[in-house]
Amino acid sequence: MANLEYRDHLISVSVIYDTPNKFQFTPVIDIRHAHFIQVLNTILTEEAFDTIRNATEFGFGLGREWVDTQCSASPE
């Protein structure tokens, strides 16, 4: 699991092996407020990648997009 603090949120990306091909990796993204334990959103994707690094980077990108959308929709 890898974590990224972004705009007062914590984005966590776990990578699972995509079966039946054990050499493809799929990210699972959990997003929380940086100071709370409760998960705000979990993003599951059907995208599979050839390396854990590529899957993790893609997951962080999806997580940042979600946070940006939520933060722009919130009244300041």
N, C-alpha and C. Protein backbone atom coordinates (compact mmCIF):
# COMPACT_ATOMS: atom_id res chain seq x y z
N MET A 1 0.85 -1.18 0.00
CA MET A 1 0.00 0.00 0.00
C MET A 1 0.89 1.23 0.00
N ALA A 2 0.45 2.23 -0.76
CA ALA A 2 1.16 3.50 -0.81
C ALA A 2 0.17 4.60 -0.45
N ASN A 3 0.66 5.65 0.21
CA ASN A 3 -0.19 6.75 0.66
C ASN A 3 0.31 8.08 0.12
N LEU A 4 -0.63 8.98 -0.09
CA LEU A 4 -0.31 10.32 -0.57
C LEU A 4 -1.25 11.30 0.14
N GLU A 5 -0.67 12.31 0.79
CA GLU A 5 -1.50 13.37 1.37
C GLU A 5 -1.68 14.43 0.29
N TYR A 6 -2.94 14.79 0.03
CA TYR A 6 -3.25 15.70 -1.06
C TYR A 6 -4.47 16.53 -0.69
N ARG A 7 -4.31 17.84 -0.65
CA ARG A 7 -5.40 18.77 -0.37
C ARG A 7 -6.21 18.36 0.87
N ASP A 8 -5.51 18.10 1.96
CA ASP A 8 -6.10 17.73 3.24
C ASP A 8 -6.87 16.40 3.17
N HIS A 9 -6.48 15.54 2.26
CA HIS A 9 -7.03 14.19 2.14
C HIS A 9 -5.87 13.20 2.11
N LEU A 10 -6.16 11.97 2.50
CA LEU A 10 -5.18 10.90 2.41
C LEU A 10 -5.67 9.92 1.34
N ILE A 11 -4.87 9.74 0.30
CA ILE A 11 -5.19 8.80 -0.76
C ILE A 11 -4.32 7.57 -0.54
N SER A 12 -4.95 6.40 -0.41
CA SER A 12 -4.23 5.14 -0.21
C SER A 12 -4.50 4.25 -1.41
N VAL A 13 -3.45 3.72 -1.98
CA VAL A 13 -3.59 2.83 -3.13
C VAL A 13 -3.03 1.46 -2.75
N SER A 14 -3.89 0.46 -2.85
CA SER A 14 -3.49 -0.93 -2.71
C SER A 14 -3.51 -1.54 -4.10
N VAL A 15 -2.67 -2.51 -4.33
CA VAL A 15 -2.61 -3.15 -5.63
C VAL A 15 -2.91 -4.63 -5.46
N ILE A 16 -3.82 -5.13 -6.29
CA ILE A 16 -4.15 -6.55 -6.24
C ILE A 16 -3.71 -7.19 -7.55
N TYR A 17 -3.41 -8.48 -7.48
CA TYR A 17 -3.06 -9.23 -8.68
C TYR A 17 -4.33 -9.47 -9.46
N ASP A 18 -4.28 -9.22 -10.74
CA ASP A 18 -5.42 -9.44 -11.62
C ASP A 18 -5.40 -10.89 -12.07
N THR A 19 -6.36 -11.67 -11.65
CA THR A 19 -6.40 -13.08 -12.03
C THR A 19 -7.11 -13.23 -13.36
N PRO A 20 -6.79 -14.17 -14.17
CA PRO A 20 -5.85 -15.28 -13.94
C PRO A 20 -4.40 -14.93 -14.25
N ASN A 21 -4.14 -13.76 -14.80
CA ASN A 21 -2.76 -13.38 -15.15
C ASN A 21 -2.11 -12.72 -13.95
N LYS A 22 -1.22 -13.40 -13.28
CA LYS A 22 -0.59 -12.89 -12.06
C LYS A 22 0.41 -11.77 -12.32
N PHE A 23 0.64 -11.43 -13.58
CA PHE A 23 1.59 -10.38 -13.90
C PHE A 23 0.91 -9.09 -14.31
N GLN A 24 -0.37 -8.96 -13.95
CA GLN A 24 -1.07 -7.70 -14.16
C GLN A 24 -1.61 -7.25 -12.81
N PHE A 25 -1.57 -5.95 -12.59
CA PHE A 25 -1.90 -5.39 -11.28
C PHE A 25 -3.00 -4.36 -11.43
N THR A 26 -3.95 -4.40 -10.51
CA THR A 26 -5.10 -3.50 -10.53
C THR A 26 -5.12 -2.68 -9.25
N PRO A 27 -5.24 -1.34 -9.36
CA PRO A 27 -5.26 -0.50 -8.15
C PRO A 27 -6.64 -0.45 -7.51
N VAL A 28 -6.65 -0.35 -6.19
CA VAL A 28 -7.84 -0.08 -5.39
C VAL A 28 -7.52 1.16 -4.57
N ILE A 29 -8.36 2.19 -4.70
CA ILE A 29 -8.05 3.49 -4.11
C ILE A 29 -9.04 3.80 -2.98
N ASP A 30 -8.51 4.12 -1.80
CA ASP A 30 -9.32 4.58 -0.66
C ASP A 30 -8.96 6.04 -0.40
N ILE A 31 -9.99 6.86 -0.15
CA ILE A 31 -9.77 8.28 0.10
C ILE A 31 -10.41 8.65 1.43
N ARG A 32 -9.63 9.33 2.28
CA ARG A 32 -10.08 9.78 3.60
C ARG A 32 -9.72 11.26 3.75
N HIS A 33 -10.38 11.92 4.72
CA HIS A 33 -9.85 13.21 5.15
C HIS A 33 -8.55 12.90 5.87
N ALA A 34 -7.59 13.77 5.77
CA ALA A 34 -6.24 13.50 6.29
C ALA A 34 -6.24 13.19 7.79
N HIS A 35 -7.22 13.69 8.54
CA HIS A 35 -7.18 13.54 9.99
C HIS A 35 -8.27 12.62 10.54
N PHE A 36 -8.92 11.85 9.67
CA PHE A 36 -9.99 10.95 10.10
C PHE A 36 -9.76 9.56 9.53
N ILE A 37 -10.28 8.56 10.21
CA ILE A 37 -10.09 7.17 9.80
C ILE A 37 -11.14 6.74 8.77
N GLN A 38 -12.33 7.27 8.85
CA GLN A 38 -13.42 6.84 8.00
C GLN A 38 -13.12 7.08 6.51
N VAL A 39 -13.33 6.04 5.71
CA VAL A 39 -13.11 6.14 4.27
C VAL A 39 -14.27 6.92 3.65
N LEU A 40 -13.95 7.95 2.87
CA LEU A 40 -14.96 8.73 2.17
C LEU A 40 -15.40 8.06 0.87
N ASN A 41 -14.44 7.43 0.19
CA ASN A 41 -14.75 6.80 -1.07
C ASN A 41 -13.72 5.72 -1.37
N THR A 42 -14.18 4.65 -1.99
CA THR A 42 -13.30 3.61 -2.51
C THR A 42 -13.54 3.54 -4.00
N ILE A 43 -12.46 3.60 -4.76
CA ILE A 43 -12.56 3.55 -6.21
C ILE A 43 -11.97 2.22 -6.68
N LEU A 44 -12.79 1.48 -7.41
CA LEU A 44 -12.34 0.23 -8.01
C LEU A 44 -12.29 0.45 -9.52
N THR A 45 -11.28 -0.06 -10.16
CA THR A 45 -11.14 0.12 -11.59
C THR A 45 -10.87 -1.22 -12.26
N GLU A 46 -11.22 -1.32 -13.51
CA GLU A 46 -10.93 -2.53 -14.27
C GLU A 46 -9.61 -2.43 -15.02
N GLU A 47 -8.95 -1.28 -14.90
CA GLU A 47 -7.65 -1.09 -15.55
C GLU A 47 -6.61 -2.02 -14.91
N ALA A 48 -5.83 -2.69 -15.74
CA ALA A 48 -4.75 -3.54 -15.25
C ALA A 48 -3.43 -3.05 -15.84
N PHE A 49 -2.37 -3.16 -15.05
CA PHE A 49 -1.07 -2.62 -15.44
C PHE A 49 -0.01 -3.70 -15.30
N ASP A 50 1.09 -3.52 -16.03
CA ASP A 50 2.15 -4.53 -16.03
C ASP A 50 3.09 -4.41 -14.84
N THR A 51 3.05 -3.28 -14.13
CA THR A 51 3.89 -3.13 -12.94
C THR A 51 3.08 -2.53 -11.79
N ILE A 52 3.53 -2.81 -10.59
CA ILE A 52 2.89 -2.24 -9.40
C ILE A 52 3.03 -0.72 -9.42
N ARG A 53 4.18 -0.24 -9.84
CA ARG A 53 4.41 1.21 -9.89
C ARG A 53 3.40 1.90 -10.81
N ASN A 54 3.19 1.36 -12.01
CA ASN A 54 2.23 1.96 -12.94
C ASN A 54 0.81 1.93 -12.38
N ALA A 55 0.45 0.83 -11.72
CA ALA A 55 -0.89 0.73 -11.12
C ALA A 55 -1.05 1.76 -9.99
N THR A 56 -0.01 1.93 -9.19
CA THR A 56 -0.05 2.88 -8.08
C THR A 56 -0.14 4.32 -8.59
N GLU A 57 0.65 4.66 -9.58
CA GLU A 57 0.60 6.01 -10.15
C GLU A 57 -0.77 6.31 -10.75
N PHE A 58 -1.35 5.35 -11.44
CA PHE A 58 -2.69 5.52 -12.00
C PHE A 58 -3.70 5.72 -10.87
N GLY A 59 -3.57 4.94 -9.79
CA GLY A 59 -4.47 5.07 -8.64
C GLY A 59 -4.38 6.44 -8.00
N PHE A 60 -3.17 6.95 -7.83
CA PHE A 60 -3.02 8.29 -7.28
C PHE A 60 -3.66 9.33 -8.19
N GLY A 61 -3.54 9.16 -9.49
CA GLY A 61 -4.18 10.09 -10.43
C GLY A 61 -5.68 10.10 -10.29
N LEU A 62 -6.30 8.90 -10.18
CA LEU A 62 -7.75 8.83 -9.98
C LEU A 62 -8.14 9.45 -8.64
N GLY A 63 -7.35 9.19 -7.62
CA GLY A 63 -7.63 9.76 -6.30
C GLY A 63 -7.56 11.28 -6.30
N ARG A 64 -6.55 11.83 -6.94
CA ARG A 64 -6.43 13.29 -7.02
C ARG A 64 -7.60 13.90 -7.80
N GLU A 65 -8.01 13.25 -8.88
CA GLU A 65 -9.17 13.74 -9.64
C GLU A 65 -10.42 13.77 -8.77
N TRP A 66 -10.64 12.72 -7.98
CA TRP A 66 -11.81 12.66 -7.12
C TRP A 66 -11.76 13.78 -6.08
N VAL A 67 -10.61 13.96 -5.44
CA VAL A 67 -10.47 15.01 -4.43
C VAL A 67 -10.69 16.38 -5.07
N ASP A 68 -10.10 16.62 -6.23
CA ASP A 68 -10.27 17.91 -6.90
C ASP A 68 -11.74 18.18 -7.21
N THR A 69 -12.45 17.16 -7.66
CA THR A 69 -13.88 17.31 -7.96
C THR A 69 -14.68 17.63 -6.70
N GLN A 70 -14.39 16.94 -5.62
CA GLN A 70 -15.10 17.16 -4.37
C GLN A 70 -14.80 18.53 -3.79
N CYS A 71 -13.54 18.94 -3.86
CA CYS A 71 -13.16 20.23 -3.31
C CYS A 71 -13.73 21.40 -4.14
N SER A 72 -13.83 21.24 -5.43
CA SER A 72 -14.40 22.31 -6.25
C SER A 72 -15.91 22.36 -6.12
N ALA A 73 -16.54 21.25 -5.75
CA ALA A 73 -18.01 21.22 -5.58
C ALA A 73 -18.42 21.76 -4.21
N SER A 74 -17.49 21.80 -3.26
CA SER A 74 -17.81 22.26 -1.90
C SER A 74 -17.77 23.78 -1.83
N PRO A 75 -18.78 24.38 -1.21
CA PRO A 75 -18.71 25.82 -1.00
C PRO A 75 -17.63 26.17 0.01
N GLU A 76 -16.84 27.15 -0.24
CA GLU A 76 -15.75 27.55 0.64
C GLU A 76 -16.25 28.52 1.68
